[in-house]
PDB file of N, CA and C in Angstrom:
ATOM      1  N   UNK A   1     180.374  78.333 110.889  1.00  0.00           N
ATOM      2  CA  UNK A   1     180.241  79.813 110.418  1.00  0.00           C
ATOM      3  C   UNK A   1     181.582  80.346 110.063  1.00  0.00           C
ATOM      4  N   UNK A   2     181.736  81.006 108.958  1.00  0.00           N
ATOM      5  CA  UNK A   2     182.936  81.619 108.403  1.00  0.00           C
ATOM      6  C   UNK A   2     183.269  82.698 109.283  1.00  0.00           C
ATOM      7  N   UNK A   3     184.623  83.000 109.432  1.00  0.00           N
ATOM      8  CA  UNK A   3     185.125  84.139 110.181  1.00  0.00           C
ATOM      9  C   UNK A   3     186.176  84.794 109.155  1.00  0.00           C
ATOM     10  N   UNK A   4     186.453  86.116 109.439  1.00  0.00           N
ATOM     11  CA  UNK A   4     187.320  86.857 108.526  1.00  0.00           C
ATOM     12  C   UNK A   4     188.268  87.734 109.506  1.00  0.00           C
ATOM     13  N   UNK A   5     189.579  87.756 109.132  1.00  0.00           N
ATOM     14  CA  UNK A   5     190.474  88.588 109.775  1.00  0.00           C
ATOM     15  C   UNK A   5     191.446  89.164 108.726  1.00  0.00           C
ATOM     16  N   UNK A   6     192.170  90.265 109.037  1.00  0.00           N
ATOM     17  CA  UNK A   6     193.219  90.823 108.191  1.00  0.00           C
ATOM     18  C   UNK A   6     194.322  91.316 108.984  1.00  0.00           C
ATOM     19  N   UNK A   7     195.414  91.606 108.314  1.00  0.00           N
ATOM     20  CA  UNK A   7     196.623  92.024 108.975  1.00  0.00           C
ATOM     21  C   UNK A   7     197.347  92.877 108.039  1.00  0.00           C
ATOM     22  N   UNK A   8     197.610  94.170 108.298  1.00  0.00           N
ATOM     23  CA  UNK A   8     198.477  95.011 107.465  1.00  0.00           C
ATOM     24  C   UNK A   8     199.915  95.256 108.032  1.00  0.00           C
ATOM     25  N   UNK A   9     200.866  95.041 107.152  1.00  0.00           N
ATOM     26  CA  UNK A   9     202.239  95.258 107.514  1.00  0.00           C
ATOM     27  C   UNK A   9     202.942  96.087 106.563  1.00  0.00           C
ATOM     28  N   UNK A  10     203.714  97.111 106.969  1.00  0.00           N
ATOM     29  CA  UNK A  10     204.532  97.922 106.248  1.00  0.00           C
ATOM     30  C   UNK A  10     205.859  97.300 106.070  1.00  0.00           C
ATOM     31  N   UNK A  11     206.087  96.938 104.738  1.00  0.00           N
ATOM     32  CA  UNK A  11     207.319  96.143 104.472  1.00  0.00           C
ATOM     33  C   UNK A  11     208.571  96.960 104.427  1.00  0.00           C
ATOM     34  N   UNK A  12     208.403  98.248 104.273  1.00  0.00           N
ATOM     35  CA  UNK A  12     209.606  99.257 104.276  1.00  0.00           C
ATOM     36  C   UNK A  12     210.108  99.197 105.800  1.00  0.00           C
ATOM     37  N   UNK A  13     209.213  99.368 106.573  1.00  0.00           N
ATOM     38  CA  UNK A  13     209.676  99.543 108.009  1.00  0.00           C
ATOM     39  C   UNK A  13     209.685  98.126 108.873  1.00  0.00           C
ATOM     40  N   UNK A  14     209.088  97.163 108.251  1.00  0.00           N
ATOM     41  CA  UNK A  14     208.955  95.930 108.976  1.00  0.00           C
ATOM     42  C   UNK A  14     208.106  95.961 110.201  1.00  0.00           C
ATOM     43  N   UNK A  15     207.079  96.805 110.177  1.00  0.00           N
ATOM     44  CA  UNK A  15     206.116  96.912 111.304  1.00  0.00           C
ATOM     45  C   UNK A  15     204.700  96.917 110.885  1.00  0.00           C
ATOM     46  N   UNK A  16     203.871  96.496 111.870  1.00  0.00           N
ATOM     47  CA  UNK A  16     202.438  96.519 111.621  1.00  0.00           C
ATOM     48  C   UNK A  16     201.910  97.931 111.530  1.00  0.00           C
ATOM     49  N   UNK A  17     200.774  98.112 110.693  1.00  0.00           N
ATOM     50  CA  UNK A  17     200.156  99.455 110.532  1.00  0.00           C
ATOM     51  C   UNK A  17     198.911  99.539 111.271  1.00  0.00           C
ATOM     52  N   UNK A  18     198.983 100.405 112.340  1.00  0.00           N
ATOM     53  CA  UNK A  18     197.844 100.624 113.155  1.00  0.00           C
ATOM     54  C   UNK A  18     197.125 101.850 112.684  1.00  0.00           C
ATOM     55  N   UNK A  19     195.713 101.745 113.014  1.00  0.00           N
ATOM     56  CA  UNK A  19     194.800 102.783 112.663  1.00  0.00           C
ATOM     57  C   UNK A  19     194.415 102.956 111.205  1.00  0.00           C
ATOM     58  N   UNK A  20     194.696 101.796 110.383  1.00  0.00           N
ATOM     59  CA  UNK A  20     194.400 101.932 108.996  1.00  0.00           C
ATOM     60  C   UNK A  20     192.947 101.589 108.701  1.00  0.00           C
ATOM     61  N   UNK A  21     192.169 102.443 108.097  1.00  0.00           N
ATOM     62  CA  UNK A  21     190.749 102.268 107.840  1.00  0.00           C
ATOM     63  C   UNK A  21     190.458 101.165 106.740  1.00  0.00           C
ATOM     64  N   UNK A  22     189.610 100.346 106.900  1.00  0.00           N
ATOM     65  CA  UNK A  22     189.157  99.281 105.935  1.00  0.00           C
ATOM     66  C   UNK A  22     187.677  99.297 105.748  1.00  0.00           C
ATOM     67  N   UNK A  23     187.272  98.970 104.602  1.00  0.00           N
ATOM     68  CA  UNK A  23     185.846  98.881 104.251  1.00  0.00           C
ATOM     69  C   UNK A  23     185.580  97.470 103.774  1.00  0.00           C
ATOM     70  N   UNK A  24     184.719  96.687 104.258  1.00  0.00           N
ATOM     71  CA  UNK A  24     184.345  95.468 103.769  1.00  0.00           C
ATOM     72  C   UNK A  24     183.059  95.597 102.853  1.00  0.00           C
ATOM     73  N   UNK A  25     182.969  95.103 101.659  1.00  0.00           N
ATOM     74  CA  UNK A  25     181.881  95.011 100.866  1.00  0.00           C
ATOM     75  C   UNK A  25     181.421  93.642 100.695  1.00  0.00           C
ATOM     76  N   UNK A  26     180.128  93.396 101.068  1.00  0.00           N
ATOM     77  CA  UNK A  26     179.608  92.064 101.212  1.00  0.00           C
ATOM     78  C   UNK A  26     178.875  91.603  99.854  1.00  0.00           C
ATOM     79  N   UNK A  27     178.561  90.396  99.726  1.00  0.00           N
ATOM     80  CA  UNK A  27     177.745  89.959  98.548  1.00  0.00           C
ATOM     81  C   UNK A  27     176.333  90.540  98.586  1.00  0.00           C
ATOM     82  N   UNK A  28     175.777  90.884  99.594  1.00  0.00           N
ATOM     83  CA  UNK A  28     174.482  91.476  99.878  1.00  0.00           C
ATOM     84  C   UNK A  28     174.436  92.880  99.464  1.00  0.00           C
ATOM     85  N   UNK A  29     175.683  93.566  99.202  1.00  0.00           N
ATOM     86  CA  UNK A  29     175.709  94.915  98.867  1.00  0.00           C
ATOM     87  C   UNK A  29     175.897  95.858 100.020  1.00  0.00           C
ATOM     88  N   UNK A  30     175.956  95.309 101.215  1.00  0.00           N
ATOM     89  CA  UNK A  30     176.270  96.209 102.366  1.00  0.00           C
ATOM     90  C   UNK A  30     177.817  96.501 102.609  1.00  0.00           C
ATOM     91  N   UNK A  31     178.133  97.468 103.327  1.00  0.00           N
ATOM     92  CA  UNK A  31     179.451  97.758 103.665  1.00  0.00           C
ATOM     93  C   UNK A  31     179.590  97.904 105.220  1.00  0.00           C
ATOM     94  N   UNK A  32     180.857  97.517 105.636  1.00  0.00           N
ATOM     95  CA  UNK A  32     181.118  97.607 106.981  1.00  0.00           C
ATOM     96  C   UNK A  32     182.497  98.169 107.153  1.00  0.00           C
ATOM     97  N   UNK A  33     182.596  99.251 107.922  1.00  0.00           N
ATOM     98  CA  UNK A  33     183.895  99.969 108.101  1.00  0.00           C
ATOM     99  C   UNK A  33     184.579  99.416 109.382  1.00  0.00           C
ATOM    100  N   UNK A  34     185.903  99.334 109.379  1.00  0.00           N
ATOM    101  CA  UNK A  34     186.620  98.940 110.542  1.00  0.00           C
ATOM    102  C   UNK A  34     187.996  99.812 110.509  1.00  0.00           C
ATOM    103  N   UNK A  35     188.910  99.338 111.408  1.00  0.00           N
ATOM    104  CA  UNK A  35     190.207  99.921 111.469  1.00  0.00           C
ATOM    105  C   UNK A  35     191.189  98.940 112.116  1.00  0.00           C
ATOM    106  N   UNK A  36     192.442  98.973 111.649  1.00  0.00           N
ATOM    107  CA  UNK A  36     193.371  98.006 112.249  1.00  0.00           C
ATOM    108  C   UNK A  36     193.715  98.435 113.710  1.00  0.00           C
ATOM    109  N   UNK A  37     194.029  97.429 114.574  1.00  0.00           N
ATOM    110  CA  UNK A  37     194.425  97.738 115.830  1.00  0.00           C
ATOM    111  C   UNK A  37     195.882  98.024 116.026  1.00  0.00           C
ATOM    112  N   UNK A  38     196.522  98.119 117.232  1.00  0.00           N
ATOM    113  CA  UNK A  38     197.842  98.478 117.454  1.00  0.00           C
ATOM    114  C   UNK A  38     198.778  97.517 116.790  1.00  0.00           C
ATOM    115  N   UNK A  39     198.393  96.195 116.570  1.00  0.00           N
ATOM    116  CA  UNK A  39     199.230  95.202 115.933  1.00  0.00           C
ATOM    117  C   UNK A  39     198.886  95.136 114.374  1.00  0.00           C
ATOM    118  N   UNK A  40     198.207  96.010 113.927  1.00  0.00           N
ATOM    119  CA  UNK A  40     197.814  96.018 112.525  1.00  0.00           C
ATOM    120  C   UNK A  40     196.861  95.041 111.966  1.00  0.00           C
ATOM    121  N   UNK A  41     196.074  94.477 113.035  1.00  0.00           N
ATOM    122  CA  UNK A  41     195.160  93.446 112.774  1.00  0.00           C
ATOM    123  C   UNK A  41     193.673  93.953 112.858  1.00  0.00           C
ATOM    124  N   UNK A  42     192.815  93.244 112.119  1.00  0.00           N
ATOM    125  CA  UNK A  42     191.409  93.644 112.089  1.00  0.00           C
ATOM    126  C   UNK A  42     190.554  92.494 112.074  1.00  0.00           C
ATOM    127  N   UNK A  43     189.707  92.394 113.160  1.00  0.00           N
ATOM    128  CA  UNK A  43     188.756  91.219 113.301  1.00  0.00           C
ATOM    129  C   UNK A  43     187.255  91.682 113.584  1.00  0.00           C
ATOM    130  N   UNK A  44     187.198  93.047 113.706  1.00  0.00           N
ATOM    131  CA  UNK A  44     185.790  93.630 114.054  1.00  0.00           C
ATOM    132  C   UNK A  44     185.063  93.948 112.834  1.00  0.00           C
ATOM    133  N   UNK A  45     184.108  93.164 112.548  1.00  0.00           N
ATOM    134  CA  UNK A  45     183.179  93.421 111.356  1.00  0.00           C
ATOM    135  C   UNK A  45     181.810  93.526 111.928  1.00  0.00           C
ATOM    136  N   UNK A  46     181.700  94.091 112.986  1.00  0.00           N
ATOM    137  CA  UNK A  46     180.374  94.309 113.652  1.00  0.00           C
ATOM    138  C   UNK A  46     179.644  92.978 113.749  1.00  0.00           C
ATOM    139  N   UNK A  47     178.424  92.900 113.268  1.00  0.00           N
ATOM    140  CA  UNK A  47     177.658  91.553 113.383  1.00  0.00           C
ATOM    141  C   UNK A  47     177.511  90.887 111.958  1.00  0.00           C
ATOM    142  N   UNK A  48     178.489  91.068 111.155  1.00  0.00           N
ATOM    143  CA  UNK A  48     178.487  90.538 109.743  1.00  0.00           C
ATOM    144  C   UNK A  48     178.487  88.979 109.856  1.00  0.00           C
ATOM    145  N   UNK A  49     177.569  88.374 109.111  1.00  0.00           N
ATOM    146  CA  UNK A  49     177.586  86.932 109.062  1.00  0.00           C
ATOM    147  C   UNK A  49     178.138  86.666 107.688  1.00  0.00           C
ATOM    148  N   UNK A  50     179.321  85.951 107.664  1.00  0.00           N
ATOM    149  CA  UNK A  50     180.023  85.624 106.404  1.00  0.00           C
ATOM    150  C   UNK A  50     179.487  84.307 105.730  1.00  0.00           C
ATOM    151  N   UNK A  51     178.509  84.624 104.858  1.00  0.00           N
ATOM    152  CA  UNK A  51     177.929  83.512 104.049  1.00  0.00           C
ATOM    153  C   UNK A  51     178.871  83.394 102.781  1.00  0.00           C
ATOM    154  N   UNK A  52     178.529  82.344 102.037  1.00  0.00           N
ATOM    155  CA  UNK A  52     179.407  82.128 100.878  1.00  0.00           C
ATOM    156  C   UNK A  52     179.130  83.340  99.938  1.00  0.00           C
ATOM    157  N   UNK A  53     180.135  83.690  99.241  1.00  0.00           N
ATOM    158  CA  UNK A  53     180.116  84.680  98.082  1.00  0.00           C
ATOM    159  C   UNK A  53     181.226  85.393  97.925  1.00  0.00           C
ATOM    160  N   UNK A  54     181.092  86.473  97.120  1.00  0.00           N
ATOM    161  CA  UNK A  54     182.392  87.334  96.704  1.00  0.00           C
ATOM    162  C   UNK A  54     182.274  88.626  97.655  1.00  0.00           C
ATOM    163  N   UNK A  55     183.462  88.830  98.241  1.00  0.00           N
ATOM    164  CA  UNK A  55     183.678  90.006  99.119  1.00  0.00           C
ATOM    165  C   UNK A  55     184.773  90.833  98.594  1.00  0.00           C
ATOM    166  N   UNK A  56     184.934  92.134  99.092  1.00  0.00           N
ATOM    167  CA  UNK A  56     185.911  92.920  98.755  1.00  0.00           C
ATOM    168  C   UNK A  56     186.394  93.673 100.004  1.00  0.00           C
ATOM    169  N   UNK A  57     187.670  93.806 100.139  1.00  0.00           N
ATOM    170  CA  UNK A  57     188.194  94.708 101.212  1.00  0.00           C
ATOM    171  C   UNK A  57     188.896  95.773 100.610  1.00  0.00           C
ATOM    172  N   UNK A  58     188.532  97.066 101.062  1.00  0.00           N
ATOM    173  CA  UNK A  58     189.309  98.178 100.611  1.00  0.00           C
ATOM    174  C   UNK A  58     190.139  98.687 101.835  1.00  0.00           C
ATOM    175  N   UNK A  59     191.437  98.786 101.482  1.00  0.00           N
ATOM    176  CA  UNK A  59     192.332  99.402 102.503  1.00  0.00           C
ATOM    177  C   UNK A  59     192.749 100.764 102.105  1.00  0.00           C
ATOM    178  N   UNK A  60     192.420 101.715 102.977  1.00  0.00           N
ATOM    179  CA  UNK A  60     192.554 103.198 102.774  1.00  0.00           C
ATOM    180  C   UNK A  60     194.036 103.502 103.192  1.00  0.00           C
ATOM    181  N   UNK A  61     194.972 103.298 102.289  1.00  0.00           N
ATOM    182  CA  UNK A  61     196.310 103.432 102.723  1.00  0.00           C
ATOM    183  C   UNK A  61     197.050 104.789 102.375  1.00  0.00           C
ATOM    184  N   UNK A  62     196.427 105.691 101.682  1.00  0.00           N
ATOM    185  CA  UNK A  62     197.074 106.850 101.249  1.00  0.00           C
ATOM    186  C   UNK A  62     197.507 107.769 102.403  1.00  0.00           C
ATOM    187  N   UNK A  63     196.748 108.054 103.316  1.00  0.00           N
ATOM    188  CA  UNK A  63     197.164 108.934 104.563  1.00  0.00           C
ATOM    189  C   UNK A  63     198.251 108.364 105.292  1.00  0.00           C
ATOM    190  N   UNK A  64     198.231 106.981 105.522  1.00  0.00           N
ATOM    191  CA  UNK A  64     199.286 106.402 106.332  1.00  0.00           C
ATOM    192  C   UNK A  64     200.631 106.426 105.446  1.00  0.00           C
ATOM    193  N   UNK A  65     200.504 106.091 104.263  1.00  0.00           N
ATOM    194  CA  UNK A  65     201.852 105.916 103.419  1.00  0.00           C
ATOM    195  C   UNK A  65     202.423 107.318 103.246  1.00  0.00           C
ATOM    196  N   UNK A  66     201.553 108.395 103.044  1.00  0.00           N
ATOM    197  CA  UNK A  66     202.080 109.765 102.784  1.00  0.00           C
ATOM    198  C   UNK A  66     202.720 110.303 104.099  1.00  0.00           C
ATOM    199  N   UNK A  67     202.099 110.094 105.304  1.00  0.00           N
ATOM    200  CA  UNK A  67     202.606 110.539 106.462  1.00  0.00           C
ATOM    201  C   UNK A  67     203.785 109.778 106.915  1.00  0.00           C
ATOM    202  N   UNK A  68     203.959 108.530 106.624  1.00  0.00           N
ATOM    203  CA  UNK A  68     205.037 107.735 106.991  1.00  0.00           C
ATOM    204  C   UNK A  68     206.172 107.789 106.067  1.00  0.00           C
ATOM    205  N   UNK A  69     205.947 107.814 104.736  1.00  0.00           N
ATOM    206  CA  UNK A  69     206.986 107.741 103.765  1.00  0.00           C
ATOM    207  C   UNK A  69     207.027 108.934 102.879  1.00  0.00           C
ATOM    208  N   UNK A  70     206.116 109.917 102.933  1.00  0.00           N
ATOM    209  CA  UNK A  70     206.102 111.170 102.202  1.00  0.00           C
ATOM    210  C   UNK A  70     205.425 111.154 100.785  1.00  0.00           C
ATOM    211  N   UNK A  71     205.202 109.851 100.325  1.00  0.00           N
ATOM    212  CA  UNK A  71     204.556 109.817  99.027  1.00  0.00           C
ATOM    213  C   UNK A  71     203.982 108.310  98.928  1.00  0.00           C
ATOM    214  N   UNK A  72     203.282 108.171  97.844  1.00  0.00           N
ATOM    215  CA  UNK A  72     202.589 106.898  97.648  1.00  0.00           C
ATOM    216  C   UNK A  72     202.063 106.821  96.207  1.00  0.00           C
ATOM    217  N   UNK A  73     202.018 105.597  95.595  1.00  0.00           N
ATOM    218  CA  UNK A  73     201.513 105.453  94.291  1.00  0.00           C
ATOM    219  C   UNK A  73     199.933 104.992  94.457  1.00  0.00           C
ATOM    220  N   UNK A  74     199.599 104.442  95.633  1.00  0.00           N
ATOM    221  CA  UNK A  74     198.308 103.734  95.839  1.00  0.00           C
ATOM    222  C   UNK A  74     197.474 104.585  96.907  1.00  0.00           C
ATOM    223  N   UNK A  75     196.390 105.180  96.496  1.00  0.00           N
ATOM    224  CA  UNK A  75     195.517 105.793  97.455  1.00  0.00           C
ATOM    225  C   UNK A  75     194.743 104.825  98.327  1.00  0.00           C
ATOM    226  N   UNK A  76     194.441 103.638  97.679  1.00  0.00           N
ATOM    227  CA  UNK A  76     193.766 102.572  98.336  1.00  0.00           C
ATOM    228  C   UNK A  76     194.057 101.196  97.544  1.00  0.00           C
ATOM    229  N   UNK A  77     193.805 100.237  98.234  1.00  0.00           N
ATOM    230  CA  UNK A  77     194.129  98.900  97.676  1.00  0.00           C
ATOM    231  C   UNK A  77     192.876  98.042  97.889  1.00  0.00           C
ATOM    232  N   UNK A  78     192.206  97.545  96.808  1.00  0.00           N
ATOM    233  CA  UNK A  78     191.181  96.593  96.834  1.00  0.00           C
ATOM    234  C   UNK A  78     191.560  95.195  96.646  1.00  0.00           C
ATOM    235  N   UNK A  79     191.079  94.385  97.619  1.00  0.00           N
ATOM    236  CA  UNK A  79     191.265  92.886  97.309  1.00  0.00           C
ATOM    237  C   UNK A  79     189.921  92.193  97.423  1.00  0.00           C
ATOM    238  N   UNK A  80     189.626  91.542  96.212  1.00  0.00           N
ATOM    239  CA  UNK A  80     188.419  90.748  96.184  1.00  0.00           C
ATOM    240  C   UNK A  80     188.764  89.337  96.327  1.00  0.00           C
ATOM    241  N   UNK A  81     187.829  88.646  97.043  1.00  0.00           N
ATOM    242  CA  UNK A  81     187.942  87.258  97.372  1.00  0.00           C
ATOM    243  C   UNK A  81     186.635  86.421  97.539  1.00  0.00           C
ATOM    244  N   UNK A  82     186.673  85.232  97.283  1.00  0.00           N
ATOM    245  CA  UNK A  82     185.412  84.433  97.415  1.00  0.00           C
ATOM    246  C   UNK A  82     185.475  83.566  98.689  1.00  0.00           C
ATOM    247  N   UNK A  83     184.521  83.563  99.499  1.00  0.00           N
ATOM    248  CA  UNK A  83     184.274  82.805 100.667  1.00  0.00           C
ATOM    249  C   UNK A  83     183.393  81.570 100.315  1.00  0.00           C
ATOM    250  N   UNK A  84     183.748  80.421 100.694  1.00  0.00           N
ATOM    251  CA  UNK A  84     182.965  79.307 100.550  1.00  0.00           C
ATOM    252  C   UNK A  84     182.003  79.085 101.743  1.00  0.00           C
ATOM    253  N   UNK A  85     181.235  77.943 101.668  1.00  0.00           N
ATOM    254  CA  UNK A  85     180.348  77.759 102.776  1.00  0.00           C
ATOM    255  C   UNK A  85     180.890  76.583 103.737  1.00  0.00           C
ATOM    256  N   UNK A  86     182.162  76.425 103.819  1.00  0.00           N
ATOM    257  CA  UNK A  86     182.761  75.295 104.567  1.00  0.00           C
ATOM    258  C   UNK A  86     183.031  75.537 106.029  1.00  0.00           C
ATOM    259  N   UNK A  87     182.485  76.715 106.612  1.00  0.00           N
ATOM    260  CA  UNK A  87     182.836  77.106 107.969  1.00  0.00           C
ATOM    261  C   UNK A  87     184.198  77.097 108.275  1.00  0.00           C
ATOM    262  N   UNK A  88     184.991  77.963 107.733  1.00  0.00           N
ATOM    263  CA  UNK A  88     186.321  78.174 107.939  1.00  0.00           C
ATOM    264  C   UNK A  88     186.686  79.546 108.230  1.00  0.00           C
ATOM    265  N   UNK A  89     187.931  79.719 108.886  1.00  0.00           N
ATOM    266  CA  UNK A  89     188.534  81.132 109.047  1.00  0.00           C
ATOM    267  C   UNK A  89     189.163  81.531 107.810  1.00  0.00           C
ATOM    268  N   UNK A  90     188.969  82.711 107.411  1.00  0.00           N
ATOM    269  CA  UNK A  90     189.671  83.324 106.228  1.00  0.00           C
ATOM    270  C   UNK A  90     190.420  84.466 106.645  1.00  0.00           C
ATOM    271  N   UNK A  91     191.774  84.579 106.338  1.00  0.00           N
ATOM    272  CA  UNK A  91     192.622  85.613 106.805  1.00  0.00           C
ATOM    273  C   UNK A  91     193.182  86.386 105.486  1.00  0.00           C
ATOM    274  N   UNK A  92     193.101  87.589 105.427  1.00  0.00           N
ATOM    275  CA  UNK A  92     193.566  88.265 104.284  1.00  0.00           C
ATOM    276  C   UNK A  92     194.657  89.277 104.687  1.00  0.00           C
ATOM    277  N   UNK A  93     195.883  88.898 104.689  1.00  0.00           N
ATOM    278  CA  UNK A  93     197.037  89.835 104.980  1.00  0.00           C
ATOM    279  C   UNK A  93     197.320  90.823 103.849  1.00  0.00           C
ATOM    280  N   UNK A  94     197.864  91.974 104.153  1.00  0.00           N
ATOM    281  CA  UNK A  94     198.192  92.860 103.095  1.00  0.00           C
ATOM    282  C   UNK A  94     199.652  93.403 103.537  1.00  0.00           C
ATOM    283  N   UNK A  95     200.457  93.255 102.672  1.00  0.00           N
ATOM    284  CA  UNK A  95     201.856  93.889 102.818  1.00  0.00           C
ATOM    285  C   UNK A  95     202.103  95.057 101.925  1.00  0.00           C
ATOM    286  N   UNK A  96     202.199  96.238 102.583  1.00  0.00           N
ATOM    287  CA  UNK A  96     202.305  97.506 101.777  1.00  0.00           C
ATOM    288  C   UNK A  96     203.703  98.298 101.896  1.00  0.00           C
ATOM    289  N   UNK A  97     203.887  99.061 100.822  1.00  0.00           N
ATOM    290  CA  UNK A  97     204.982  99.930 100.814  1.00  0.00           C
ATOM    291  C   UNK A  97     204.504 101.105  99.861  1.00  0.00           C
ATOM    292  N   UNK A  98     205.218 102.176  99.809  1.00  0.00           N
ATOM    293  CA  UNK A  98     204.728 103.418  99.033  1.00  0.00           C
ATOM    294  C   UNK A  98     204.482 102.959  97.575  1.00  0.00           C
ATOM    295  N   UNK A  99     205.201 102.036  97.005  1.00  0.00           N
ATOM    296  CA  UNK A  99     205.170 101.760  95.581  1.00  0.00           C
ATOM    297  C   UNK A  99     204.889 100.172  95.230  1.00  0.00           C
ATOM    298  N   UNK A 100     204.315  99.529  96.238  1.00  0.00           N
ATOM    299  CA  UNK A 100     204.034  98.138  95.995  1.00  0.00           C
ATOM    300  C   UNK A 100     203.153  97.457  97.087  1.00  0.00           C
ATOM    301  N   UNK A 101     202.504  96.405  96.686  1.00  0.00           N
ATOM    302  CA  UNK A 101     201.815  95.638  97.739  1.00  0.00           C
ATOM    303  C   UNK A 101     201.730  94.292  97.327  1.00  0.00           C
ATOM    304  N   UNK A 102     201.265  93.387  98.336  1.00  0.00           N
ATOM    305  CA  UNK A 102     201.131  91.932  98.152  1.00  0.00           C
ATOM    306  C   UNK A 102     200.157  91.369  99.055  1.00  0.00           C
ATOM    307  N   UNK A 103     199.410  90.393  98.685  1.00  0.00           N
ATOM    308  CA  UNK A 103     198.526  89.651  99.542  1.00  0.00           C
ATOM    309  C   UNK A 103     198.418  88.158  99.257  1.00  0.00           C
ATOM    310  N   UNK A 104     197.847  87.399 100.115  1.00  0.00           N
ATOM    311  CA  UNK A 104     197.690  86.008  99.823  1.00  0.00           C
ATOM    312  C   UNK A 104     196.561  85.525 100.932  1.00  0.00           C
ATOM    313  N   UNK A 105     196.167  84.285 100.623  1.00  0.00           N
ATOM    314  CA  UNK A 105     195.336  83.795 101.712  1.00  0.00           C
ATOM    315  C   UNK A 105     196.072  83.252 102.922  1.00  0.00           C
ATOM    316  N   UNK A 106     195.851  83.862 103.992  1.00  0.00           N
ATOM    317  CA  UNK A 106     196.577  83.504 105.186  1.00  0.00           C
ATOM    318  C   UNK A 106     195.875  82.438 105.962  1.00  0.00           C
ATOM    319  N   UNK A 107     196.393  82.255 107.120  1.00  0.00           N
ATOM    320  CA  UNK A 107     195.732  81.240 108.042  1.00  0.00           C
ATOM    321  C   UNK A 107     195.345  81.905 109.353  1.00  0.00           C
TER     322      UNK A 107
END
């Protein structure tokens, strides 16, 4: 069975982002909302079964970036990715700052 996690880090401060809302969009058209924990990690997708297909994570970063840095160019960041059927763990890290972001397939 596939599993999914995410991790959000503020590259300006060099710290994890706690309490950041995320929305997962599944291939079936359903959405699941979650939030990062105190270490900026998210593993709670309720009872989602991660079948093969195209997914999207929306990171609602505007409130955090405005309250922490005073401004931002990005109200949210969407990352689309494809999960295979190989029974793997998939990790989607997000590195954010008020005017830039980066992501990659983590482990």
